[in-house]
Amino acid sequence: MENIFVNTPPYGYNGHMKKSAKQLTANDWLDHALQVLSKQGLAAVAVEPLAKSLGVTKGSFYWHFSNRQQLINDLLVFWENIELEYQQDFLKAELEPQPLFEQLLTLLIDDDTNKGVFLAVAGQPDKDEIKPFYQRAIERRLDLLCEIFKRAGYKPKPARQQASQVYVAYLGMIKSLVDQVIPENHQITTTQFIQAQCVACFAAKD
């Protein structure tokens, strides 16, 4: 199966690890902050611990950002731009609907940074600086799923309804993986989840 994301930059690139403090760019800080956000949540994205983990002083941070608030805003823009690049790759793809569906869900579920950041942002829905980014992230996922189902022959309203059902199932899946609330011997795999969704969405359509 063709991988439509083969030419898309990784979800965070960790290029800063081989650079000295003088070489660190704003994007290096943002990439590192993205990894921290995905693993530890928004509260962990703070100047001093980020500088310490990068092995630099806080002065390096203030060369690129005026304060933590600017870092958070720039980080959300950085994350959104990554997602938009993936979205454009998807929309240009010429695969059949079901393989597109499988690749999209695999990315959304198996990429630890992707699901970690999304859930971290989802956990702060009432923060004014985060709410619009979170809402757009939900819409991106729904729009991509809806596009798949329209390509598969669904009319617009049923396509949106099907997309909403898959989104709810996907959200539950990634939360169960991150929170580890389901015993390992009962947790379904990504492959099993996607197969079940394919049966529900495509076999039912046929």
Protein backbone atom coordinates (compact mmCIF):
# COMPACT_ATOMS: atom_id res chain seq x y z
CA MET A 1 0.00 0.00 0.00
CA GLU A 2 1.29 3.47 -0.88
CA ASN A 3 2.21 5.55 2.18
CA ILE A 4 0.84 9.03 1.54
CA PHE A 5 2.88 10.51 4.39
CA VAL A 6 6.29 9.31 3.19
CA ASN A 7 7.45 12.84 2.22
CA THR A 8 5.87 14.58 5.21
CA PRO A 9 8.22 15.70 8.02
CA PRO A 10 7.94 13.57 11.18
CA TYR A 11 5.52 14.64 13.88
CA GLY A 12 8.30 16.51 15.73
CA TYR A 13 11.89 16.09 14.60
CA ASN A 14 14.13 16.30 17.70
CA GLY A 15 16.90 17.94 15.70
CA HIS A 16 17.97 20.03 18.70
CA MET A 17 19.69 17.12 20.41
CA LYS A 18 22.85 17.55 18.30
CA LYS A 19 23.04 21.35 18.59
CA SER A 20 24.83 23.65 20.99
CA ALA A 21 22.97 26.33 22.94
CA LYS A 22 24.06 28.98 20.43
CA GLN A 23 22.61 26.95 17.57
CA LEU A 24 19.17 26.32 19.07
CA THR A 25 16.42 27.95 17.04
CA ALA A 26 12.88 28.83 18.05
CA ASN A 27 11.71 25.71 16.22
CA ASP A 28 14.10 23.57 18.26
CA TRP A 29 12.51 24.91 21.44
CA LEU A 30 9.04 24.35 20.01
CA ASP A 31 9.80 20.83 18.90
CA HIS A 32 11.13 19.95 22.33
CA ALA A 33 8.13 21.61 23.99
CA LEU A 34 5.83 19.59 21.72
CA GLN A 35 7.39 16.32 22.93
CA VAL A 36 7.05 17.45 26.55
CA LEU A 37 3.43 18.47 25.98
CA SER A 38 2.63 15.09 24.47
CA LYS A 39 4.15 13.14 27.38
CA GLN A 40 3.59 15.34 30.45
CA GLY A 41 0.83 17.81 29.61
CA LEU A 42 0.58 21.58 29.44
CA ALA A 43 1.75 22.27 33.01
CA ALA A 44 5.14 20.72 32.20
CA VAL A 45 5.74 23.19 29.36
CA ALA A 46 7.61 25.72 31.48
CA VAL A 47 10.77 27.72 30.86
CA GLU A 48 13.12 26.38 33.52
CA PRO A 49 12.50 22.62 33.08
CA LEU A 50 12.63 22.96 29.28
CA ALA A 51 15.96 24.80 29.47
CA LYS A 52 17.34 22.23 31.91
CA SER A 53 16.33 19.28 29.74
CA LEU A 54 17.91 20.98 26.71
CA GLY A 55 21.09 21.65 28.67
CA VAL A 56 20.95 25.43 28.23
CA THR A 57 20.25 28.51 30.34
CA LYS A 58 16.95 30.39 30.43
CA GLY A 59 18.70 33.16 28.49
CA SER A 60 18.54 30.96 25.38
CA PHE A 61 14.77 30.79 25.80
CA TYR A 62 14.35 34.56 26.11
CA TRP A 63 16.33 35.06 22.92
CA HIS A 64 13.35 33.54 21.05
CA PHE A 65 10.32 34.10 23.31
CA SER A 66 9.29 36.99 25.52
CA ASN A 67 7.55 34.78 28.10
CA ARG A 68 5.83 31.43 28.64
CA GLN A 69 2.56 32.71 27.20
CA GLN A 70 4.25 33.43 23.87
CA LEU A 71 5.82 29.96 23.98
CA ILE A 72 2.41 28.33 24.49
CA ASN A 73 0.82 30.31 21.66
CA ASP A 74 3.72 29.66 19.28
CA LEU A 75 3.67 25.99 20.28
CA LEU A 76 -0.02 25.67 19.39
CA VAL A 77 0.62 27.34 16.02
CA PHE A 78 3.61 25.01 15.48
CA TRP A 79 1.43 21.98 16.22
CA GLU A 80 -1.37 23.22 14.00
CA ASN A 81 0.99 23.76 11.08
CA ILE A 82 2.26 20.19 11.39
CA GLU A 83 -1.30 18.92 11.29
CA LEU A 84 -2.19 21.11 8.32
CA GLU A 85 0.75 19.69 6.37
CA TYR A 86 -0.47 16.17 7.04
CA GLN A 87 -3.98 17.23 6.07
CA GLN A 88 -2.79 18.59 2.73
CA ASP A 89 -0.91 15.37 1.99
CA PHE A 90 -4.04 13.41 2.72
CA LEU A 91 -6.29 15.56 0.54
CA LYS A 92 -3.88 15.21 -2.40
CA ALA A 93 -3.70 11.42 -2.08
CA GLU A 94 -5.15 9.27 -4.83
CA LEU A 95 -5.77 6.10 -2.84
CA GLU A 96 -9.10 4.33 -2.58
CA PRO A 97 -11.25 5.39 0.40
CA GLN A 98 -10.64 2.37 2.62
CA PRO A 99 -6.80 2.45 2.40
CA LEU A 100 -6.94 6.20 3.08
CA PHE A 101 -9.13 5.53 6.10
CA GLU A 102 -6.72 2.90 7.39
CA GLN A 103 -3.68 5.17 7.00
CA LEU A 104 -5.40 8.10 8.68
CA LEU A 105 -6.50 6.07 11.71
CA THR A 106 -3.09 4.42 11.98
CA LEU A 107 -1.42 7.84 12.13
CA LEU A 108 -3.93 9.25 14.62
CA ILE A 109 -3.69 6.24 16.93
CA ASP A 110 -0.12 4.97 16.65
CA ASP A 111 1.81 8.25 16.56
CA ASP A 112 2.50 8.88 20.25
CA THR A 113 3.18 12.59 19.80
CA ASN A 114 0.02 13.08 17.75
CA LYS A 115 -2.32 11.46 20.25
CA GLY A 116 -0.44 12.79 23.30
CA VAL A 117 -0.65 16.41 22.15
CA PHE A 118 -4.27 16.10 21.08
CA LEU A 119 -5.31 14.66 24.44
CA ALA A 120 -3.25 17.25 26.34
CA VAL A 121 -5.04 20.03 24.47
CA ALA A 122 -8.39 18.25 24.87
CA GLY A 123 -7.81 18.34 28.62
CA GLN A 124 -7.76 22.16 28.62
CA PRO A 125 -10.92 23.01 26.60
CA ASP A 126 -11.86 26.05 28.68
CA LYS A 127 -8.57 27.92 28.39
CA ASP A 128 -9.15 30.84 26.03
CA GLU A 129 -5.76 30.52 24.35
CA ILE A 130 -6.25 26.80 23.68
CA LYS A 131 -9.96 26.51 22.84
CA PRO A 132 -9.78 27.69 19.18
CA PHE A 133 -6.82 25.39 18.42
CA TYR A 134 -8.63 22.45 20.00
CA GLN A 135 -11.84 23.15 18.09
CA ARG A 136 -9.94 23.37 14.79
CA ALA A 137 -8.14 20.10 15.56
CA ILE A 138 -11.49 18.37 16.05
CA GLU A 139 -12.78 19.85 12.80
CA ARG A 140 -9.67 18.69 10.90
CA ARG A 141 -10.26 15.12 12.04
CA LEU A 142 -13.97 15.25 11.24
CA ASP A 143 -13.35 16.88 7.85
CA LEU A 144 -10.80 14.25 6.84
CA LEU A 145 -13.07 11.41 7.88
CA CYS A 146 -16.02 13.06 6.15
CA GLU A 147 -13.98 13.42 2.95
CA ILE A 148 -13.18 9.71 3.02
CA PHE A 149 -16.82 8.75 3.30
CA LYS A 150 -17.87 11.13 0.52
CA ARG A 151 -15.23 9.55 -1.71
CA ALA A 152 -16.73 6.19 -0.76
CA GLY A 153 -20.13 7.31 -2.02
CA TYR A 154 -21.82 8.67 1.09
CA LYS A 155 -23.96 11.77 0.65
CA PRO A 156 -22.78 14.80 2.69
CA LYS A 157 -25.07 14.42 5.72
CA PRO A 158 -24.58 10.65 6.20
CA ALA A 159 -20.83 11.18 5.61
CA ARG A 160 -20.70 13.70 8.45
CA GLN A 161 -22.71 11.44 10.71
CA GLN A 162 -20.40 8.50 9.97
CA ALA A 163 -17.36 10.72 10.57
CA SER A 164 -18.76 11.76 13.96
CA GLN A 165 -19.29 8.13 14.99
CA VAL A 166 -15.74 7.19 14.03
CA TYR A 167 -14.36 10.25 15.80
CA VAL A 168 -16.06 9.28 19.07
CA ALA A 169 -14.72 5.72 18.77
CA TYR A 170 -11.21 7.00 17.93
CA LEU A 171 -11.22 9.38 20.91
CA GLY A 172 -12.16 6.54 23.24
CA MET A 173 -9.44 4.35 21.72
CA ILE A 174 -6.59 6.82 22.20
CA LYS A 175 -7.74 7.72 25.73
CA SER A 176 -7.74 4.06 26.69
CA LEU A 177 -4.21 3.66 25.29
CA VAL A 178 -2.80 6.74 27.02
CA ASP A 179 -4.63 6.31 30.35
CA GLN A 180 -4.04 2.53 30.38
CA VAL A 181 -7.35 2.02 32.16
CA ILE A 182 -8.06 -1.23 30.30
CA PRO A 183 -6.00 -4.30 31.27
CA GLU A 184 -3.46 -5.13 28.57
CA ASN A 185 -5.02 -8.54 27.88
CA HIS A 186 -8.36 -6.83 27.12
CA GLN A 187 -7.05 -3.82 25.15
CA ILE A 188 -7.69 -4.18 21.42
CA THR A 189 -4.86 -3.40 19.02
CA THR A 190 -4.86 -0.61 16.46
CA THR A 191 -5.27 -3.19 13.71
CA GLN A 192 -8.31 -4.74 15.41
CA PHE A 193 -9.84 -1.32 15.96
CA ILE A 194 -9.35 -0.27 12.34
CA GLN A 195 -10.69 -3.58 11.02
CA ALA A 196 -13.84 -3.15 13.10
CA GLN A 197 -14.29 0.42 11.86
CA CYS A 198 -13.80 -0.68 8.25
CA VAL A 199 -16.52 -3.29 8.61
CA ALA A 200 -18.86 -0.76 10.20
CA CYS A 201 -18.18 1.98 7.66
CA PHE A 202 -17.51 0.25 4.36
CA ALA A 203 -19.11 -3.19 4.53
CA ALA A 204 -22.31 -1.53 5.78
CA LYS A 205 -22.17 0.93 2.87
CA ASP A 206 -21.92 -1.92 0.38
